[in-house]
Amino acid sequence: MQIDKSPFFRKAIVPWYATDTALIIKAVVMFVFAFFGLDGIKVARQVEAYNDYIGVPVLLLVLSGIVLMINLIRIIKRYTGNSAM
């Protein structure tokens, strides 16, 4: 008798980068990057020689904010158990 290869009874394998710990660590790191971007914007506005380079911290803030929001949505979906979100 062959073993049933149906994935119905097997637990889904979650990649390491989609685990709860990895998502929380990534969210914390992105929050730190967003704070660093905010600080860079503040410094670029204060120092007149850096006014032309304000786009770099703005880009850092926007990209880290996007990744942070995606991770927070994934964490909320995982803990609420709502996969239709």
PDB file of N, CA and C in Angstrom:
ATOM      1  N   MET A   1       0.835  -1.175   0.000  1.00  0.00           N
ATOM      2  CA  MET A   1       0.000   0.000   0.000  1.00  0.00           C
ATOM      3  C   MET A   1       0.883   1.243   0.000  1.00  0.00           C
ATOM      4  N   GLN A   2       0.599   2.145  -0.917  1.00  0.00           N
ATOM      5  CA  GLN A   2       1.385   3.358  -1.012  1.00  0.00           C
ATOM      6  C   GLN A   2       0.911   4.399  -0.004  1.00  0.00           C
ATOM      7  N   ILE A   3       1.844   5.258   0.368  1.00  0.00           N
ATOM      8  CA  ILE A   3       1.518   6.346   1.276  1.00  0.00           C
ATOM      9  C   ILE A   3       0.776   7.423   0.486  1.00  0.00           C
ATOM     10  N   ASP A   4      -0.275   7.931   1.075  1.00  0.00           N
ATOM     11  CA  ASP A   4      -1.057   8.976   0.429  1.00  0.00           C
ATOM     12  C   ASP A   4      -0.245  10.266   0.368  1.00  0.00           C
ATOM     13  N   LYS A   5      -0.046  10.805  -0.815  1.00  0.00           N
ATOM     14  CA  LYS A   5       0.773  12.009  -0.986  1.00  0.00           C
ATOM     15  C   LYS A   5      -0.070  13.282  -0.996  1.00  0.00           C
ATOM     16  N   SER A   6      -1.273  13.192  -0.515  1.00  0.00           N
ATOM     17  CA  SER A   6      -2.158  14.347  -0.481  1.00  0.00           C
ATOM     18  C   SER A   6      -1.666  15.349   0.562  1.00  0.00           C
ATOM     19  N   PRO A   7      -1.555  16.620   0.189  1.00  0.00           N
ATOM     20  CA  PRO A   7      -1.103  17.625   1.152  1.00  0.00           C
ATOM     21  C   PRO A   7      -2.188  18.032   2.143  1.00  0.00           C
ATOM     22  N   PHE A   8      -3.348  17.396   2.069  1.00  0.00           N
ATOM     23  CA  PHE A   8      -4.466  17.771   2.930  1.00  0.00           C
ATOM     24  C   PHE A   8      -4.138  17.591   4.405  1.00  0.00           C
ATOM     25  N   PHE A   9      -3.428  16.527   4.745  1.00  0.00           N
ATOM     26  CA  PHE A   9      -3.141  16.235   6.146  1.00  0.00           C
ATOM     27  C   PHE A   9      -1.793  16.764   6.591  1.00  0.00           C
ATOM     28  N   ARG A  10      -1.063  17.357   5.698  1.00  0.00           N
ATOM     29  CA  ARG A  10       0.253  17.863   6.049  1.00  0.00           C
ATOM     30  C   ARG A  10       0.176  19.338   6.381  1.00  0.00           C
ATOM     31  N   LYS A  11       1.051  19.729   7.266  1.00  0.00           N
ATOM     32  CA  LYS A  11       1.137  21.125   7.642  1.00  0.00           C
ATOM     33  C   LYS A  11       1.923  21.871   6.563  1.00  0.00           C
ATOM     34  N   ALA A  12       1.485  23.071   6.211  1.00  0.00           N
ATOM     35  CA  ALA A  12       2.184  23.853   5.196  1.00  0.00           C
ATOM     36  C   ALA A  12       3.538  24.294   5.731  1.00  0.00           C
ATOM     37  N   ILE A  13       4.543  24.201   4.891  1.00  0.00           N
ATOM     38  CA  ILE A  13       5.892  24.616   5.274  1.00  0.00           C
ATOM     39  C   ILE A  13       6.005  26.118   5.052  1.00  0.00           C
ATOM     40  N   VAL A  14       6.322  26.821   6.110  1.00  0.00           N
ATOM     41  CA  VAL A  14       6.462  28.270   6.045  1.00  0.00           C
ATOM     42  C   VAL A  14       7.946  28.588   5.870  1.00  0.00           C
ATOM     43  N   PRO A  15       8.302  29.384   4.855  1.00  0.00           N
ATOM     44  CA  PRO A  15       9.713  29.756   4.690  1.00  0.00           C
ATOM     45  C   PRO A  15      10.208  30.557   5.893  1.00  0.00           C
ATOM     46  N   TRP A  16      11.507  30.528   6.123  1.00  0.00           N
ATOM     47  CA  TRP A  16      12.064  31.184   7.299  1.00  0.00           C
ATOM     48  C   TRP A  16      11.801  32.680   7.293  1.00  0.00           C
ATOM     49  N   TYR A  17      11.729  33.282   6.114  1.00  0.00           N
ATOM     50  CA  TYR A  17      11.539  34.730   6.049  1.00  0.00           C
ATOM     51  C   TYR A  17      10.087  35.129   6.258  1.00  0.00           C
ATOM     52  N   ALA A  18       9.181  34.173   6.383  1.00  0.00           N
ATOM     53  CA  ALA A  18       7.775  34.478   6.625  1.00  0.00           C
ATOM     54  C   ALA A  18       7.337  34.025   8.018  1.00  0.00           C
ATOM     55  N   THR A  19       8.285  33.718   8.886  1.00  0.00           N
ATOM     56  CA  THR A  19       7.942  33.320  10.245  1.00  0.00           C
ATOM     57  C   THR A  19       7.594  34.550  11.073  1.00  0.00           C
ATOM     58  N   ASP A  20       6.960  34.317  12.198  1.00  0.00           N
ATOM     59  CA  ASP A  20       6.564  35.427  13.078  1.00  0.00           C
ATOM     60  C   ASP A  20       7.776  36.232  13.537  1.00  0.00           C
ATOM     61  N   THR A  21       8.834  35.528  13.916  1.00  0.00           N
ATOM     62  CA  THR A  21      10.036  36.202  14.416  1.00  0.00           C
ATOM     63  C   THR A  21      10.662  37.073  13.338  1.00  0.00           C
ATOM     64  N   ALA A  22      10.766  36.546  12.124  1.00  0.00           N
ATOM     65  CA  ALA A  22      11.366  37.318  11.038  1.00  0.00           C
ATOM     66  C   ALA A  22      10.520  38.543  10.696  1.00  0.00           C
ATOM     67  N   LEU A  23       9.201  38.403  10.704  1.00  0.00           N
ATOM     68  CA  LEU A  23       8.337  39.545  10.403  1.00  0.00           C
ATOM     69  C   LEU A  23       8.455  40.636  11.463  1.00  0.00           C
ATOM     70  N   ILE A  24       8.532  40.234  12.712  1.00  0.00           N
ATOM     71  CA  ILE A  24       8.646  41.217  13.795  1.00  0.00           C
ATOM     72  C   ILE A  24      10.007  41.910  13.748  1.00  0.00           C
ATOM     73  N   ILE A  25      11.072  41.139  13.500  1.00  0.00           N
ATOM     74  CA  ILE A  25      12.406  41.736  13.396  1.00  0.00           C
ATOM     75  C   ILE A  25      12.458  42.697  12.220  1.00  0.00           C
ATOM     76  N   LYS A  26      11.883  42.290  11.085  1.00  0.00           N
ATOM     77  CA  LYS A  26      11.877  43.161   9.907  1.00  0.00           C
ATOM     78  C   LYS A  26      11.073  44.435  10.167  1.00  0.00           C
ATOM     79  N   ALA A  27       9.965  44.333  10.884  1.00  0.00           N
ATOM     80  CA  ALA A  27       9.161  45.510  11.198  1.00  0.00           C
ATOM     81  C   ALA A  27       9.930  46.467  12.112  1.00  0.00           C
ATOM     82  N   VAL A  28      10.641  45.931  13.085  1.00  0.00           N
ATOM     83  CA  VAL A  28      11.421  46.776  14.000  1.00  0.00           C
ATOM     84  C   VAL A  28      12.553  47.463  13.247  1.00  0.00           C
ATOM     85  N   VAL A  29      13.242  46.728  12.380  1.00  0.00           N
ATOM     86  CA  VAL A  29      14.338  47.317  11.605  1.00  0.00           C
ATOM     87  C   VAL A  29      13.810  48.405  10.668  1.00  0.00           C
ATOM     88  N   MET A  30      12.681  48.179  10.046  1.00  0.00           N
ATOM     89  CA  MET A  30      12.107  49.190   9.156  1.00  0.00           C
ATOM     90  C   MET A  30      11.657  50.430   9.938  1.00  0.00           C
ATOM     91  N   PHE A  31      11.187  50.233  11.176  1.00  0.00           N
ATOM     92  CA  PHE A  31      10.844  51.384  12.017  1.00  0.00           C
ATOM     93  C   PHE A  31      12.092  52.204  12.328  1.00  0.00           C
ATOM     94  N   VAL A  32      13.199  51.536  12.602  1.00  0.00           N
ATOM     95  CA  VAL A  32      14.460  52.242  12.862  1.00  0.00           C
ATOM     96  C   VAL A  32      14.906  52.999  11.609  1.00  0.00           C
ATOM     97  N   PHE A  33      14.785  52.366  10.433  1.00  0.00           N
ATOM     98  CA  PHE A  33      15.149  53.035   9.183  1.00  0.00           C
ATOM     99  C   PHE A  33      14.251  54.250   8.924  1.00  0.00           C
ATOM    100  N   ALA A  34      12.972  54.121   9.220  1.00  0.00           N
ATOM    101  CA  ALA A  34      12.052  55.246   9.030  1.00  0.00           C
ATOM    102  C   ALA A  34      12.433  56.399   9.968  1.00  0.00           C
ATOM    103  N   PHE A  35      12.777  56.069  11.193  1.00  0.00           N
ATOM    104  CA  PHE A  35      13.216  57.105  12.132  1.00  0.00           C
ATOM    105  C   PHE A  35      14.505  57.759  11.650  1.00  0.00           C
ATOM    106  N   PHE A  36      15.412  56.962  11.099  1.00  0.00           N
ATOM    107  CA  PHE A  36      16.662  57.481  10.541  1.00  0.00           C
ATOM    108  C   PHE A  36      16.370  58.406   9.352  1.00  0.00           C
ATOM    109  N   GLY A  37      15.399  58.045   8.528  1.00  0.00           N
ATOM    110  CA  GLY A  37      14.998  58.895   7.411  1.00  0.00           C
ATOM    111  C   GLY A  37      14.412  60.217   7.890  1.00  0.00           C
ATOM    112  N   LEU A  38      13.582  60.167   8.932  1.00  0.00           N
ATOM    113  CA  LEU A  38      13.032  61.405   9.502  1.00  0.00           C
ATOM    114  C   LEU A  38      14.136  62.307  10.049  1.00  0.00           C
ATOM    115  N   ASP A  39      15.110  61.701  10.703  1.00  0.00           N
ATOM    116  CA  ASP A  39      16.230  62.468  11.228  1.00  0.00           C
ATOM    117  C   ASP A  39      17.059  63.059  10.088  1.00  0.00           C
ATOM    118  N   GLY A  40      17.219  62.300   9.004  1.00  0.00           N
ATOM    119  CA  GLY A  40      17.945  62.810   7.846  1.00  0.00           C
ATOM    120  C   GLY A  40      17.238  63.986   7.203  1.00  0.00           C
ATOM    121  N   ILE A  41      15.912  63.941   7.153  1.00  0.00           N
ATOM    122  CA  ILE A  41      15.145  65.069   6.613  1.00  0.00           C
ATOM    123  C   ILE A  41      15.337  66.305   7.492  1.00  0.00           C
ATOM    124  N   LYS A  42      15.331  66.096   8.801  1.00  0.00           N
ATOM    125  CA  LYS A  42      15.525  67.220   9.725  1.00  0.00           C
ATOM    126  C   LYS A  42      16.906  67.849   9.542  1.00  0.00           C
ATOM    127  N   VAL A  43      17.924  67.020   9.407  1.00  0.00           N
ATOM    128  CA  VAL A  43      19.290  67.536   9.230  1.00  0.00           C
ATOM    129  C   VAL A  43      19.425  68.224   7.873  1.00  0.00           C
ATOM    130  N   ALA A  44      18.823  67.631   6.827  1.00  0.00           N
ATOM    131  CA  ALA A  44      18.919  68.239   5.497  1.00  0.00           C
ATOM    132  C   ALA A  44      18.225  69.589   5.450  1.00  0.00           C
ATOM    133  N   ARG A  45      17.198  69.788   6.228  1.00  0.00           N
ATOM    134  CA  ARG A  45      16.534  71.093   6.271  1.00  0.00           C
ATOM    135  C   ARG A  45      17.320  72.119   7.097  1.00  0.00           C
ATOM    136  N   GLN A  46      18.018  71.642   8.120  1.00  0.00           N
ATOM    137  CA  GLN A  46      18.758  72.560   8.983  1.00  0.00           C
ATOM    138  C   GLN A  46      20.049  73.052   8.342  1.00  0.00           C
ATOM    139  N   VAL A  47      20.769  72.145   7.674  1.00  0.00           N
ATOM    140  CA  VAL A  47      22.049  72.510   7.068  1.00  0.00           C
ATOM    141  C   VAL A  47      21.792  72.908   5.619  1.00  0.00           C
ATOM    142  N   GLU A  48      22.106  74.142   5.291  1.00  0.00           N
ATOM    143  CA  GLU A  48      21.781  74.665   3.970  1.00  0.00           C
ATOM    144  C   GLU A  48      22.546  73.950   2.851  1.00  0.00           C
ATOM    145  N   ALA A  49      23.723  73.461   3.136  1.00  0.00           N
ATOM    146  CA  ALA A  49      24.510  72.772   2.107  1.00  0.00           C
ATOM    147  C   ALA A  49      23.890  71.428   1.721  1.00  0.00           C
ATOM    148  N   TYR A  50      23.036  70.874   2.574  1.00  0.00           N
ATOM    149  CA  TYR A  50      22.439  69.563   2.310  1.00  0.00           C
ATOM    150  C   TYR A  50      21.019  69.649   1.759  1.00  0.00           C
ATOM    151  N   ASN A  51      20.524  70.837   1.450  1.00  0.00           N
ATOM    152  CA  ASN A  51      19.156  70.986   0.964  1.00  0.00           C
ATOM    153  C   ASN A  51      18.912  70.243  -0.343  1.00  0.00           C
ATOM    154  N   ASP A  52      19.936  70.142  -1.191  1.00  0.00           N
ATOM    155  CA  ASP A  52      19.772  69.437  -2.466  1.00  0.00           C
ATOM    156  C   ASP A  52      19.668  67.926  -2.289  1.00  0.00           C
ATOM    157  N   TYR A  53      20.086  67.410  -1.162  1.00  0.00           N
ATOM    158  CA  TYR A  53      20.116  65.963  -0.937  1.00  0.00           C
ATOM    159  C   TYR A  53      18.963  65.462  -0.075  1.00  0.00           C
ATOM    160  N   ILE A  54      17.917  66.218   0.053  1.00  0.00           N
ATOM    161  CA  ILE A  54      16.792  65.824   0.901  1.00  0.00           C
ATOM    162  C   ILE A  54      16.035  64.630   0.318  1.00  0.00           C
ATOM    163  N   GLY A  55      16.209  64.366  -0.963  1.00  0.00           N
ATOM    164  CA  GLY A  55      15.522  63.243  -1.613  1.00  0.00           C
ATOM    165  C   GLY A  55      15.956  61.887  -1.091  1.00  0.00           C
ATOM    166  N   VAL A  56      17.207  61.777  -0.651  1.00  0.00           N
ATOM    167  CA  VAL A  56      17.709  60.486  -0.160  1.00  0.00           C
ATOM    168  C   VAL A  56      16.999  60.071   1.131  1.00  0.00           C
ATOM    169  N   PRO A  57      16.928  60.921   2.145  1.00  0.00           N
ATOM    170  CA  PRO A  57      16.186  60.502   3.341  1.00  0.00           C
ATOM    171  C   PRO A  57      14.683  60.361   3.101  1.00  0.00           C
ATOM    172  N   VAL A  58      14.126  61.144   2.168  1.00  0.00           N
ATOM    173  CA  VAL A  58      12.708  60.987   1.846  1.00  0.00           C
ATOM    174  C   VAL A  58      12.465  59.620   1.219  1.00  0.00           C
ATOM    175  N   LEU A  59      13.346  59.217   0.288  1.00  0.00           N
ATOM    176  CA  LEU A  59      13.232  57.899  -0.332  1.00  0.00           C
ATOM    177  C   LEU A  59      13.373  56.794   0.717  1.00  0.00           C
ATOM    178  N   LEU A  60      14.327  56.954   1.633  1.00  0.00           N
ATOM    179  CA  LEU A  60      14.503  55.974   2.703  1.00  0.00           C
ATOM    180  C   LEU A  60      13.254  55.883   3.576  1.00  0.00           C
ATOM    181  N   LEU A  61      12.663  57.011   3.884  1.00  0.00           N
ATOM    182  CA  LEU A  61      11.452  57.038   4.701  1.00  0.00           C
ATOM    183  C   LEU A  61      10.286  56.372   3.982  1.00  0.00           C
ATOM    184  N   VAL A  62      10.109  56.673   2.713  1.00  0.00           N
ATOM    185  CA  VAL A  62       8.988  56.111   1.954  1.00  0.00           C
ATOM    186  C   VAL A  62       9.143  54.597   1.786  1.00  0.00           C
ATOM    187  N   LEU A  63      10.321  54.151   1.392  1.00  0.00           N
ATOM    188  CA  LEU A  63      10.522  52.715   1.160  1.00  0.00           C
ATOM    189  C   LEU A  63      10.431  51.908   2.456  1.00  0.00           C
ATOM    190  N   SER A  64      10.998  52.439   3.530  1.00  0.00           N
ATOM    191  CA  SER A  64      10.893  51.715   4.802  1.00  0.00           C
ATOM    192  C   SER A  64       9.459  51.731   5.312  1.00  0.00           C
ATOM    193  N   GLY A  65       8.729  52.807   5.037  1.00  0.00           N
ATOM    194  CA  GLY A  65       7.317  52.857   5.422  1.00  0.00           C
ATOM    195  C   GLY A  65       6.482  51.835   4.666  1.00  0.00           C
ATOM    196  N   ILE A  66       6.774  51.656   3.377  1.00  0.00           N
ATOM    197  CA  ILE A  66       6.046  50.664   2.587  1.00  0.00           C
ATOM    198  C   ILE A  66       6.306  49.264   3.120  1.00  0.00           C
ATOM    199  N   VAL A  67       7.575  48.940   3.363  1.00  0.00           N
ATOM    200  CA  VAL A  67       7.910  47.605   3.878  1.00  0.00           C
ATOM    201  C   VAL A  67       7.315  47.409   5.269  1.00  0.00           C
ATOM    202  N   LEU A  68       7.335  48.441   6.090  1.00  0.00           N
ATOM    203  CA  LEU A  68       6.759  48.356   7.431  1.00  0.00           C
ATOM    204  C   LEU A  68       5.261  48.091   7.369  1.00  0.00           C
ATOM    205  N   MET A  69       4.551  48.784   6.496  1.00  0.00           N
ATOM    206  CA  MET A  69       3.105  48.571   6.365  1.00  0.00           C
ATOM    207  C   MET A  69       2.787  47.161   5.855  1.00  0.00           C
ATOM    208  N   ILE A  70       3.545  46.688   4.889  1.00  0.00           N
ATOM    209  CA  ILE A  70       3.327  45.323   4.381  1.00  0.00           C
ATOM    210  C   ILE A  70       3.543  44.301   5.489  1.00  0.00           C
ATOM    211  N   ASN A  71       4.592  44.483   6.274  1.00  0.00           N
ATOM    212  CA  ASN A  71       4.850  43.548   7.368  1.00  0.00           C
ATOM    213  C   ASN A  71       3.771  43.623   8.445  1.00  0.00           C
ATOM    214  N   LEU A  72       3.323  44.829   8.761  1.00  0.00           N
ATOM    215  CA  LEU A  72       2.267  44.955   9.765  1.00  0.00           C
ATOM    216  C   LEU A  72       0.973  44.309   9.282  1.00  0.00           C
ATOM    217  N   ILE A  73       0.662  44.445   8.003  1.00  0.00           N
ATOM    218  CA  ILE A  73      -0.525  43.785   7.453  1.00  0.00           C
ATOM    219  C   ILE A  73      -0.390  42.269   7.552  1.00  0.00           C
ATOM    220  N   ARG A  74       0.791  41.755   7.234  1.00  0.00           N
ATOM    221  CA  ARG A  74       1.015  40.304   7.336  1.00  0.00           C
ATOM    222  C   ARG A  74       0.897  39.816   8.775  1.00  0.00           C
ATOM    223  N   ILE A  75       1.447  40.591   9.711  1.00  0.00           N
ATOM    224  CA  ILE A  75       1.371  40.198  11.123  1.00  0.00           C
ATOM    225  C   ILE A  75      -0.082  40.229  11.595  1.00  0.00           C
ATOM    226  N   ILE A  76      -0.822  41.265  11.219  1.00  0.00           N
ATOM    227  CA  ILE A  76      -2.231  41.352  11.620  1.00  0.00           C
ATOM    228  C   ILE A  76      -3.032  40.212  11.027  1.00  0.00           C
ATOM    229  N   LYS A  77      -2.801  39.896   9.752  1.00  0.00           N
ATOM    230  CA  LYS A  77      -3.497  38.771   9.124  1.00  0.00           C
ATOM    231  C   LYS A  77      -3.195  37.461   9.836  1.00  0.00           C
ATOM    232  N   ARG A  78      -1.946  37.287  10.217  1.00  0.00           N
ATOM    233  CA  ARG A  78      -1.549  36.028  10.847  1.00  0.00           C
ATOM    234  C   ARG A  78      -2.187  35.872  12.222  1.00  0.00           C
ATOM    235  N   TYR A  79      -2.223  36.944  13.007  1.00  0.00           N
ATOM    236  CA  TYR A  79      -2.765  36.823  14.364  1.00  0.00           C
ATOM    237  C   TYR A  79      -4.281  36.857  14.418  1.00  0.00           C
ATOM    238  N   THR A  80      -4.909  37.471  13.420  1.00  0.00           N
ATOM    239  CA  THR A  80      -6.376  37.450  13.416  1.00  0.00           C
ATOM    240  C   THR A  80      -6.915  36.218  12.706  1.00  0.00           C
ATOM    241  N   GLY A  81      -6.059  35.565  11.915  1.00  0.00           N
ATOM    242  CA  GLY A  81      -6.490  34.359  11.219  1.00  0.00           C
ATOM    243  C   GLY A  81      -7.367  34.641  10.024  1.00  0.00           C
ATOM    244  N   ASN A  82      -7.401  35.878   9.574  1.00  0.00           N
ATOM    245  CA  ASN A  82      -8.234  36.284   8.451  1.00  0.00           C
ATOM    246  C   ASN A  82      -7.379  36.246   7.186  1.00  0.00           C
ATOM    247  N   SER A  83      -7.527  35.209   6.382  1.00  0.00           N
ATOM    248  CA  SER A  83      -6.741  35.086   5.172  1.00  0.00           C
ATOM    249  C   SER A  83      -7.406  35.764   3.985  1.00  0.00           C
ATOM    250  N   ALA A  84      -8.642  36.210   4.123  1.00  0.00           N
ATOM    251  CA  ALA A  84      -9.356  36.849   3.029  1.00  0.00           C
ATOM    252  C   ALA A  84      -9.104  38.343   2.984  1.00  0.00           C
ATOM    253  N   MET A  85      -8.247  38.853   3.822  1.00  0.00           N
ATOM    254  CA  MET A  85      -7.973  40.283   3.913  1.00  0.00           C
ATOM    255  C   MET A  85      -7.218  40.800   2.737  1.00  0.00           C
TER     256      MET A  85
END
